[in-house]
ModelCIF file with pLDDT and N, C-alpha, C, O atoms, coordinates in Angstrom:
data_MODEL
#
_entry.id   MODEL 
#
_entity.id                         1 
_entity.type                       polymer 
_entity.pdbx_number_of_molecules   1 
#
_entity_poly.entity_id                      1 
_entity_poly.type                           'polypeptide(L)' 
_entity_poly.nstd_linkage                   no 
_entity_poly.nstd_monomer                   no 
_entity_poly.pdbx_seq_one_letter_code       PGQIQEALGDKLELPVKENFLKAENIGELIAGGITHECTHL 
_entity_poly.pdbx_seq_one_letter_code_can   PGQIQEALGDKLELPVKENFLKAENIGELIAGGITHECTHL 
_entity_poly.pdbx_strand_id                 A 
#
loop_
_entity_poly_seq.entity_id 
_entity_poly_seq.num 
_entity_poly_seq.mon_id 
_entity_poly_seq.hetero 
1 1  PRO n 
1 2  GLY n 
1 3  GLN n 
1 4  ILE n 
1 5  GLN n 
1 6  GLU n 
1 7  ALA n 
1 8  LEU n 
1 9  GLY n 
1 10 ASP n 
1 11 LYS n 
1 12 LEU n 
1 13 GLU n 
1 14 LEU n 
1 15 PRO n 
1 16 VAL n 
1 17 LYS n 
1 18 GLU n 
1 19 ASN n 
1 20 PHE n 
1 21 LEU n 
1 22 LYS n 
1 23 ALA n 
1 24 GLU n 
1 25 ASN n 
1 26 ILE n 
1 27 GLY n 
1 28 GLU n 
1 29 LEU n 
1 30 ILE n 
1 31 ALA n 
1 32 GLY n 
1 33 GLY n 
1 34 ILE n 
1 35 THR n 
1 36 HIS n 
1 37 GLU n 
1 38 CYS n 
1 39 THR n 
1 40 HIS n 
1 41 LEU n 
#
_struct_asym.id          A 
_struct_asym.entity_id   1 
#
loop_
_ma_qa_metric.id 
_ma_qa_metric.mode 
_ma_qa_metric.name 
_ma_qa_metric.software_group_id 
_ma_qa_metric.type 
1 global pLDDT . pLDDT 
2 local  pLDDT . pLDDT 
#
_ma_qa_metric_global.metric_id      1 
_ma_qa_metric_global.metric_value   95.10 
_ma_qa_metric_global.model_id       1 
_ma_qa_metric_global.ordinal_id     1 
#
loop_
_ma_qa_metric_local.label_asym_id 
_ma_qa_metric_local.label_comp_id 
_ma_qa_metric_local.label_seq_id 
_ma_qa_metric_local.metric_id 
_ma_qa_metric_local.metric_value 
_ma_qa_metric_local.model_id 
_ma_qa_metric_local.ordinal_id 
A PRO 1  2 98.00 1 1  
A GLY 2  2 97.00 1 2  
A GLN 3  2 97.00 1 3  
A ILE 4  2 97.00 1 4  
A GLN 5  2 97.00 1 5  
A GLU 6  2 96.00 1 6  
A ALA 7  2 95.00 1 7  
A LEU 8  2 95.00 1 8  
A GLY 9  2 94.00 1 9  
A ASP 10 2 95.00 1 10 
A LYS 11 2 95.00 1 11 
A LEU 12 2 95.00 1 12 
A GLU 13 2 95.00 1 13 
A LEU 14 2 94.00 1 14 
A PRO 15 2 95.00 1 15 
A VAL 16 2 95.00 1 16 
A LYS 17 2 93.00 1 17 
A GLU 18 2 91.00 1 18 
A ASN 19 2 89.00 1 19 
A PHE 20 2 91.00 1 20 
A LEU 21 2 91.00 1 21 
A LYS 22 2 94.00 1 22 
A ALA 23 2 94.00 1 23 
A GLU 24 2 95.00 1 24 
A ASN 25 2 95.00 1 25 
A ILE 26 2 95.00 1 26 
A GLY 27 2 95.00 1 27 
A GLU 28 2 95.00 1 28 
A LEU 29 2 95.00 1 29 
A ILE 30 2 96.00 1 30 
A ALA 31 2 96.00 1 31 
A GLY 32 2 95.00 1 32 
A GLY 33 2 96.00 1 33 
A ILE 34 2 97.00 1 34 
A THR 35 2 96.00 1 35 
A HIS 36 2 97.00 1 36 
A GLU 37 2 97.00 1 37 
A CYS 38 2 96.00 1 38 
A THR 39 2 96.00 1 39 
A HIS 40 2 97.00 1 40 
A LEU 41 2 97.00 1 41 
#
loop_
_atom_site.group_PDB 
_atom_site.id 
_atom_site.type_symbol 
_atom_site.label_atom_id 
_atom_site.label_alt_id 
_atom_site.label_comp_id 
_atom_site.label_asym_id 
_atom_site.label_entity_id 
_atom_site.label_seq_id 
_atom_site.pdbx_PDB_ins_code 
_atom_site.Cartn_x 
_atom_site.Cartn_y 
_atom_site.Cartn_z 
_atom_site.occupancy 
_atom_site.B_iso_or_equiv 
_atom_site.pdbx_formal_charge 
_atom_site.auth_seq_id 
_atom_site.auth_comp_id 
_atom_site.auth_asym_id 
_atom_site.auth_atom_id 
_atom_site.pdbx_PDB_model_num 
ATOM 1   N N  . PRO A 1 1  ? 7.135   6.076  -6.104  1.00 98.00 ? 1  PRO A N  1 
ATOM 2   C CA . PRO A 1 1  ? 7.012   7.539  -6.173  1.00 98.00 ? 1  PRO A CA 1 
ATOM 3   C C  . PRO A 1 1  ? 7.730   8.132  -7.387  1.00 98.00 ? 1  PRO A C  1 
ATOM 4   O O  . PRO A 1 1  ? 7.197   9.025  -8.045  1.00 98.00 ? 1  PRO A O  1 
ATOM 5   N N  . GLY A 1 2  ? 8.919   7.649  -7.683  1.00 97.00 ? 2  GLY A N  1 
ATOM 6   C CA . GLY A 1 2  ? 9.647   8.136  -8.853  1.00 97.00 ? 2  GLY A CA 1 
ATOM 7   C C  . GLY A 1 2  ? 8.948   7.789  -10.153 1.00 97.00 ? 2  GLY A C  1 
ATOM 8   O O  . GLY A 1 2  ? 8.939   8.581  -11.095 1.00 97.00 ? 2  GLY A O  1 
ATOM 9   N N  . GLN A 1 3  ? 8.362   6.598  -10.201 1.00 97.00 ? 3  GLN A N  1 
ATOM 10  C CA . GLN A 1 3  ? 7.626   6.186  -11.397 1.00 97.00 ? 3  GLN A CA 1 
ATOM 11  C C  . GLN A 1 3  ? 6.410   7.080  -11.616 1.00 97.00 ? 3  GLN A C  1 
ATOM 12  O O  . GLN A 1 3  ? 6.115   7.476  -12.744 1.00 97.00 ? 3  GLN A O  1 
ATOM 13  N N  . ILE A 1 4  ? 5.714   7.391  -10.540 1.00 97.00 ? 4  ILE A N  1 
ATOM 14  C CA . ILE A 1 4  ? 4.536   8.254  -10.639 1.00 97.00 ? 4  ILE A CA 1 
ATOM 15  C C  . ILE A 1 4  ? 4.952   9.651  -11.085 1.00 97.00 ? 4  ILE A C  1 
ATOM 16  O O  . ILE A 1 4  ? 4.325   10.247 -11.961 1.00 97.00 ? 4  ILE A O  1 
ATOM 17  N N  . GLN A 1 5  ? 6.012   10.164 -10.476 1.00 97.00 ? 5  GLN A N  1 
ATOM 18  C CA . GLN A 1 5  ? 6.456   11.505 -10.844 1.00 97.00 ? 5  GLN A CA 1 
ATOM 19  C C  . GLN A 1 5  ? 6.917   11.547 -12.297 1.00 97.00 ? 5  GLN A C  1 
ATOM 20  O O  . GLN A 1 5  ? 6.602   12.494 -13.017 1.00 97.00 ? 5  GLN A O  1 
ATOM 21  N N  . GLU A 1 6  ? 7.650   10.543 -12.728 1.00 96.00 ? 6  GLU A N  1 
ATOM 22  C CA . GLU A 1 6  ? 8.136   10.524 -14.111 1.00 96.00 ? 6  GLU A CA 1 
ATOM 23  C C  . GLU A 1 6  ? 6.986   10.462 -15.112 1.00 96.00 ? 6  GLU A C  1 
ATOM 24  O O  . GLU A 1 6  ? 6.989   11.168 -16.120 1.00 96.00 ? 6  GLU A O  1 
ATOM 25  N N  . ALA A 1 7  ? 6.004   9.610  -14.822 1.00 95.00 ? 7  ALA A N  1 
ATOM 26  C CA . ALA A 1 7  ? 4.895   9.426  -15.765 1.00 95.00 ? 7  ALA A CA 1 
ATOM 27  C C  . ALA A 1 7  ? 3.869   10.554 -15.727 1.00 95.00 ? 7  ALA A C  1 
ATOM 28  O O  . ALA A 1 7  ? 3.284   10.907 -16.751 1.00 95.00 ? 7  ALA A O  1 
ATOM 29  N N  . LEU A 1 8  ? 3.656   11.120 -14.531 1.00 95.00 ? 8  LEU A N  1 
ATOM 30  C CA . LEU A 1 8  ? 2.533   12.041 -14.372 1.00 95.00 ? 8  LEU A CA 1 
ATOM 31  C C  . LEU A 1 8  ? 2.916   13.439 -13.883 1.00 95.00 ? 8  LEU A C  1 
ATOM 32  O O  . LEU A 1 8  ? 2.045   14.290 -13.700 1.00 95.00 ? 8  LEU A O  1 
ATOM 33  N N  . GLY A 1 9  ? 4.183   13.676 -13.675 1.00 94.00 ? 9  GLY A N  1 
ATOM 34  C CA . GLY A 1 9  ? 4.636   14.938 -13.087 1.00 94.00 ? 9  GLY A CA 1 
ATOM 35  C C  . GLY A 1 9  ? 4.201   16.182 -13.812 1.00 94.00 ? 9  GLY A C  1 
ATOM 36  O O  . GLY A 1 9  ? 3.991   17.223 -13.188 1.00 94.00 ? 9  GLY A O  1 
ATOM 37  N N  . ASP A 1 10 ? 4.062   16.096 -15.108 1.00 95.00 ? 10 ASP A N  1 
ATOM 38  C CA . ASP A 1 10 ? 3.639   17.270 -15.870 1.00 95.00 ? 10 ASP A CA 1 
ATOM 39  C C  . ASP A 1 10 ? 2.169   17.187 -16.282 1.00 95.00 ? 10 ASP A C  1 
ATOM 40  O O  . ASP A 1 10 ? 1.715   17.927 -17.156 1.00 95.00 ? 10 ASP A O  1 
ATOM 41  N N  . LYS A 1 11 ? 1.433   16.278 -15.642 1.00 95.00 ? 11 LYS A N  1 
ATOM 42  C CA . LYS A 1 11 ? 0.028   16.065 -16.011 1.00 95.00 ? 11 LYS A CA 1 
ATOM 43  C C  . LYS A 1 11 ? -0.943  16.266 -14.839 1.00 95.00 ? 11 LYS A C  1 
ATOM 44  O O  . LYS A 1 11 ? -2.099  15.852 -14.917 1.00 95.00 ? 11 LYS A O  1 
ATOM 45  N N  . LEU A 1 12 ? -0.485  16.889 -13.771 1.00 95.00 ? 12 LEU A N  1 
ATOM 46  C CA . LEU A 1 12 ? -1.298  16.975 -12.554 1.00 95.00 ? 12 LEU A CA 1 
ATOM 47  C C  . LEU A 1 12 ? -2.633  17.669 -12.769 1.00 95.00 ? 12 LEU A C  1 
ATOM 48  O O  . LEU A 1 12 ? -3.607  17.348 -12.089 1.00 95.00 ? 12 LEU A O  1 
ATOM 49  N N  . GLU A 1 13 ? -2.700  18.598 -13.684 1.00 95.00 ? 13 GLU A N  1 
ATOM 50  C CA . GLU A 1 13 ? -3.931  19.349 -13.899 1.00 95.00 ? 13 GLU A CA 1 
ATOM 51  C C  . GLU A 1 13 ? -4.860  18.711 -14.943 1.00 95.00 ? 13 GLU A C  1 
ATOM 52  O O  . GLU A 1 13 ? -5.952  19.220 -15.192 1.00 95.00 ? 13 GLU A O  1 
ATOM 53  N N  . LEU A 1 14 ? -4.430  17.607 -15.547 1.00 94.00 ? 14 LEU A N  1 
ATOM 54  C CA . LEU A 1 14 ? -5.289  16.960 -16.545 1.00 94.00 ? 14 LEU A CA 1 
ATOM 55  C C  . LEU A 1 14 ? -6.539  16.398 -15.884 1.00 94.00 ? 14 LEU A C  1 
ATOM 56  O O  . LEU A 1 14 ? -6.438  15.742 -14.847 1.00 94.00 ? 14 LEU A O  1 
ATOM 57  N N  . PRO A 1 15 ? -7.704  16.636 -16.452 1.00 95.00 ? 15 PRO A N  1 
ATOM 58  C CA . PRO A 1 15 ? -8.948  16.128 -15.875 1.00 95.00 ? 15 PRO A CA 1 
ATOM 59  C C  . PRO A 1 15 ? -9.023  14.607 -15.984 1.00 95.00 ? 15 PRO A C  1 
ATOM 60  O O  . PRO A 1 15 ? -8.439  14.000 -16.882 1.00 95.00 ? 15 PRO A O  1 
ATOM 61  N N  . VAL A 1 16 ? -9.755  14.012 -15.050 1.00 95.00 ? 16 VAL A N  1 
ATOM 62  C CA . VAL A 1 16 ? -9.983  12.562 -15.045 1.00 95.00 ? 16 VAL A CA 1 
ATOM 63  C C  . VAL A 1 16 ? -11.486 12.303 -15.054 1.00 95.00 ? 16 VAL A C  1 
ATOM 64  O O  . VAL A 1 16 ? -12.287 13.169 -14.704 1.00 95.00 ? 16 VAL A O  1 
ATOM 65  N N  . LYS A 1 17 ? -11.842 11.097 -15.462 1.00 93.00 ? 17 LYS A N  1 
ATOM 66  C CA . LYS A 1 17 ? -13.257 10.712 -15.471 1.00 93.00 ? 17 LYS A CA 1 
ATOM 67  C C  . LYS A 1 17 ? -13.783 10.654 -14.043 1.00 93.00 ? 17 LYS A C  1 
ATOM 68  O O  . LYS A 1 17 ? -13.018 10.605 -13.080 1.00 93.00 ? 17 LYS A O  1 
ATOM 69  N N  . GLU A 1 18 ? -15.088 10.661 -13.932 1.00 91.00 ? 18 GLU A N  1 
ATOM 70  C CA . GLU A 1 18 ? -15.734 10.561 -12.628 1.00 91.00 ? 18 GLU A CA 1 
ATOM 71  C C  . GLU A 1 18 ? -15.200 9.330  -11.909 1.00 91.00 ? 18 GLU A C  1 
ATOM 72  O O  . GLU A 1 18 ? -15.028 8.275  -12.518 1.00 91.00 ? 18 GLU A O  1 
ATOM 73  N N  . ASN A 1 19 ? -14.940 9.467  -10.617 1.00 89.00 ? 19 ASN A N  1 
ATOM 74  C CA . ASN A 1 19 ? -14.351 8.383  -9.833  1.00 89.00 ? 19 ASN A CA 1 
ATOM 75  C C  . ASN A 1 19 ? -14.842 8.447  -8.397  1.00 89.00 ? 19 ASN A C  1 
ATOM 76  O O  . ASN A 1 19 ? -15.421 9.447  -7.971  1.00 89.00 ? 19 ASN A O  1 
ATOM 77  N N  . PHE A 1 20 ? -14.607 7.378  -7.659  1.00 91.00 ? 20 PHE A N  1 
ATOM 78  C CA . PHE A 1 20 ? -15.106 7.276  -6.290  1.00 91.00 ? 20 PHE A CA 1 
ATOM 79  C C  . PHE A 1 20 ? -14.477 8.294  -5.354  1.00 91.00 ? 20 PHE A C  1 
ATOM 80  O O  . PHE A 1 20 ? -15.055 8.600  -4.311  1.00 91.00 ? 20 PHE A O  1 
ATOM 81  N N  . LEU A 1 21 ? -13.314 8.827  -5.693  1.00 91.00 ? 21 LEU A N  1 
ATOM 82  C CA . LEU A 1 21 ? -12.676 9.849  -4.868  1.00 91.00 ? 21 LEU A CA 1 
ATOM 83  C C  . LEU A 1 21 ? -13.249 11.240 -5.098  1.00 91.00 ? 21 LEU A C  1 
ATOM 84  O O  . LEU A 1 21 ? -13.035 12.156 -4.304  1.00 91.00 ? 21 LEU A O  1 
ATOM 85  N N  . LYS A 1 22 ? -13.983 11.382 -6.199  1.00 94.00 ? 22 LYS A N  1 
ATOM 86  C CA . LYS A 1 22 ? -14.493 12.677 -6.631  1.00 94.00 ? 22 LYS A CA 1 
ATOM 87  C C  . LYS A 1 22 ? -13.350 13.609 -7.039  1.00 94.00 ? 22 LYS A C  1 
ATOM 88  O O  . LYS A 1 22 ? -13.497 14.831 -7.035  1.00 94.00 ? 22 LYS A O  1 
ATOM 89  N N  . ALA A 1 23 ? -12.203 13.006 -7.393  1.00 94.00 ? 23 ALA A N  1 
ATOM 90  C CA . ALA A 1 23 ? -11.062 13.784 -7.872  1.00 94.00 ? 23 ALA A CA 1 
ATOM 91  C C  . ALA A 1 23 ? -11.388 14.323 -9.259  1.00 94.00 ? 23 ALA A C  1 
ATOM 92  O O  . ALA A 1 23 ? -12.011 13.643 -10.074 1.00 94.00 ? 23 ALA A O  1 
ATOM 93  N N  . GLU A 1 24 ? -10.959 15.549 -9.511  1.00 95.00 ? 24 GLU A N  1 
ATOM 94  C CA . GLU A 1 24 ? -11.208 16.174 -10.803 1.00 95.00 ? 24 GLU A CA 1 
ATOM 95  C C  . GLU A 1 24 ? -10.009 16.112 -11.730 1.00 95.00 ? 24 GLU A C  1 
ATOM 96  O O  . GLU A 1 24 ? -10.153 16.252 -12.945 1.00 95.00 ? 24 GLU A O  1 
ATOM 97  N N  . ASN A 1 25 ? -8.814  15.900 -11.161 1.00 95.00 ? 25 ASN A N  1 
ATOM 98  C CA . ASN A 1 25 ? -7.621  15.836 -12.002 1.00 95.00 ? 25 ASN A CA 1 
ATOM 99  C C  . ASN A 1 25 ? -6.615  14.842 -11.426 1.00 95.00 ? 25 ASN A C  1 
ATOM 100 O O  . ASN A 1 25 ? -6.809  14.301 -10.338 1.00 95.00 ? 25 ASN A O  1 
ATOM 101 N N  . ILE A 1 26 ? -5.548  14.615 -12.171 1.00 95.00 ? 26 ILE A N  1 
ATOM 102 C CA . ILE A 1 26 ? -4.547  13.623 -11.770 1.00 95.00 ? 26 ILE A CA 1 
ATOM 103 C C  . ILE A 1 26 ? -3.891  13.992 -10.446 1.00 95.00 ? 26 ILE A C  1 
ATOM 104 O O  . ILE A 1 26 ? -3.629  13.116 -9.621  1.00 95.00 ? 26 ILE A O  1 
ATOM 105 N N  . GLY A 1 27 ? -3.628  15.262 -10.234 1.00 95.00 ? 27 GLY A N  1 
ATOM 106 C CA . GLY A 1 27 ? -3.042  15.692 -8.964  1.00 95.00 ? 27 GLY A CA 1 
ATOM 107 C C  . GLY A 1 27 ? -3.914  15.329 -7.777  1.00 95.00 ? 27 GLY A C  1 
ATOM 108 O O  . GLY A 1 27 ? -3.408  14.928 -6.729  1.00 95.00 ? 27 GLY A O  1 
ATOM 109 N N  . GLU A 1 28 ? -5.215  15.468 -7.935  1.00 95.00 ? 28 GLU A N  1 
ATOM 110 C CA . GLU A 1 28 ? -6.130  15.112 -6.850  1.00 95.00 ? 28 GLU A CA 1 
ATOM 111 C C  . GLU A 1 28 ? -6.169  13.609 -6.636  1.00 95.00 ? 28 GLU A C  1 
ATOM 112 O O  . GLU A 1 28 ? -6.347  13.160 -5.504  1.00 95.00 ? 28 GLU A O  1 
ATOM 113 N N  . LEU A 1 29 ? -6.011  12.827 -7.680  1.00 95.00 ? 29 LEU A N  1 
ATOM 114 C CA . LEU A 1 29 ? -5.921  11.365 -7.511  1.00 95.00 ? 29 LEU A CA 1 
ATOM 115 C C  . LEU A 1 29 ? -4.689  11.006 -6.683  1.00 95.00 ? 29 LEU A C  1 
ATOM 116 O O  . LEU A 1 29 ? -4.754  10.174 -5.778  1.00 95.00 ? 29 LEU A O  1 
ATOM 117 N N  . ILE A 1 30 ? -3.578  11.641 -7.005  1.00 96.00 ? 30 ILE A N  1 
ATOM 118 C CA . ILE A 1 30 ? -2.338  11.369 -6.261  1.00 96.00 ? 30 ILE A CA 1 
ATOM 119 C C  . ILE A 1 30 ? -2.486  11.807 -4.807  1.00 96.00 ? 30 ILE A C  1 
ATOM 120 O O  . ILE A 1 30 ? -2.030  11.110 -3.901  1.00 96.00 ? 30 ILE A O  1 
ATOM 121 N N  . ALA A 1 31 ? -3.119  12.957 -4.577  1.00 96.00 ? 31 ALA A N  1 
ATOM 122 C CA . ALA A 1 31 ? -3.370  13.414 -3.205  1.00 96.00 ? 31 ALA A CA 1 
ATOM 123 C C  . ALA A 1 31 ? -4.254  12.419 -2.457  1.00 96.00 ? 31 ALA A C  1 
ATOM 124 O O  . ALA A 1 31 ? -4.032  12.157 -1.275  1.00 96.00 ? 31 ALA A O  1 
ATOM 125 N N  . GLY A 1 32 ? -5.255  11.864 -3.140  1.00 95.00 ? 32 GLY A N  1 
ATOM 126 C CA . GLY A 1 32 ? -6.095  10.831 -2.525  1.00 95.00 ? 32 GLY A CA 1 
ATOM 127 C C  . GLY A 1 32 ? -5.290  9.605  -2.159  1.00 95.00 ? 32 GLY A C  1 
ATOM 128 O O  . GLY A 1 32 ? -5.534  8.981  -1.126  1.00 95.00 ? 32 GLY A O  1 
ATOM 129 N N  . GLY A 1 33 ? -4.329  9.255  -2.998  1.00 96.00 ? 33 GLY A N  1 
ATOM 130 C CA . GLY A 1 33 ? -3.453  8.118  -2.708  1.00 96.00 ? 33 GLY A CA 1 
ATOM 131 C C  . GLY A 1 33 ? -2.588  8.373  -1.485  1.00 96.00 ? 33 GLY A C  1 
ATOM 132 O O  . GLY A 1 33 ? -2.352  7.465  -0.688  1.00 96.00 ? 33 GLY A O  1 
ATOM 133 N N  . ILE A 1 34 ? -2.113  9.610  -1.333  1.00 97.00 ? 34 ILE A N  1 
ATOM 134 C CA . ILE A 1 34 ? -1.297  9.957  -0.165  1.00 97.00 ? 34 ILE A CA 1 
ATOM 135 C C  . ILE A 1 34 ? -2.133  9.851  1.108   1.00 97.00 ? 34 ILE A C  1 
ATOM 136 O O  . ILE A 1 34 ? -1.665  9.333  2.122   1.00 97.00 ? 34 ILE A O  1 
ATOM 137 N N  . THR A 1 35 ? -3.356  10.337 1.053   1.00 96.00 ? 35 THR A N  1 
ATOM 138 C CA . THR A 1 35 ? -4.256  10.246 2.208   1.00 96.00 ? 35 THR A CA 1 
ATOM 139 C C  . THR A 1 35 ? -4.491  8.783  2.581   1.00 96.00 ? 35 THR A C  1 
ATOM 140 O O  . THR A 1 35 ? -4.448  8.418  3.756   1.00 96.00 ? 35 THR A O  1 
ATOM 141 N N  . HIS A 1 36 ? -4.739  7.957  1.580   1.00 97.00 ? 36 HIS A N  1 
ATOM 142 C CA . HIS A 1 36 ? -4.931  6.521  1.795   1.00 97.00 ? 36 HIS A CA 1 
ATOM 143 C C  . HIS A 1 36 ? -3.679  5.912  2.429   1.00 97.00 ? 36 HIS A C  1 
ATOM 144 O O  . HIS A 1 36 ? -3.776  5.128  3.372   1.00 97.00 ? 36 HIS A O  1 
ATOM 145 N N  . GLU A 1 37 ? -2.526  6.268  1.917   1.00 97.00 ? 37 GLU A N  1 
ATOM 146 C CA . GLU A 1 37 ? -1.267  5.735  2.435   1.00 97.00 ? 37 GLU A CA 1 
ATOM 147 C C  . GLU A 1 37 ? -1.071  6.108  3.899   1.00 97.00 ? 37 GLU A C  1 
ATOM 148 O O  . GLU A 1 37 ? -0.617  5.284  4.692   1.00 97.00 ? 37 GLU A O  1 
ATOM 149 N N  . CYS A 1 38 ? -1.408  7.343  4.263   1.00 96.00 ? 38 CYS A N  1 
ATOM 150 C CA . CYS A 1 38 ? -1.260  7.786  5.650   1.00 96.00 ? 38 CYS A CA 1 
ATOM 151 C C  . CYS A 1 38 ? -2.148  6.973  6.586   1.00 96.00 ? 38 CYS A C  1 
ATOM 152 O O  . CYS A 1 38 ? -1.753  6.673  7.712   1.00 96.00 ? 38 CYS A O  1 
ATOM 153 N N  . THR A 1 39 ? -3.341  6.618  6.128   1.00 96.00 ? 39 THR A N  1 
ATOM 154 C CA . THR A 1 39 ? -4.225  5.767  6.929   1.00 96.00 ? 39 THR A CA 1 
ATOM 155 C C  . THR A 1 39 ? -3.550  4.428  7.204   1.00 96.00 ? 39 THR A C  1 
ATOM 156 O O  . THR A 1 39 ? -3.574  3.933  8.331   1.00 96.00 ? 39 THR A O  1 
ATOM 157 N N  . HIS A 1 40 ? -2.954  3.852  6.180   1.00 97.00 ? 40 HIS A N  1 
ATOM 158 C CA . HIS A 1 40 ? -2.311  2.557  6.361   1.00 97.00 ? 40 HIS A CA 1 
ATOM 159 C C  . HIS A 1 40 ? -0.992  2.658  7.109   1.00 97.00 ? 40 HIS A C  1 
ATOM 160 O O  . HIS A 1 40 ? -0.570  1.694  7.749   1.00 97.00 ? 40 HIS A O  1 
ATOM 161 N N  . LEU A 1 41 ? -0.344  3.795  7.039   1.00 97.00 ? 41 LEU A N  1 
ATOM 162 C CA . LEU A 1 41 ? 0.834   4.024  7.869   1.00 97.00 ? 41 LEU A CA 1 
ATOM 163 C C  . LEU A 1 41 ? 0.426   3.951  9.343   1.00 97.00 ? 41 LEU A C  1 
ATOM 164 O O  . LEU A 1 41 ? 1.269   4.115  10.225  1.00 97.00 ? 41 LEU A O  1 
#
């Protein structure tokens, strides 16, 4: 979590290429990761 925040903390609104999550920016990718993590929790 600290590594992600350090590397991407100021980039959450940057757009990302089309992806299977349909995320439009880095923040949405991270949110998708949290959702995935909760499933495995």
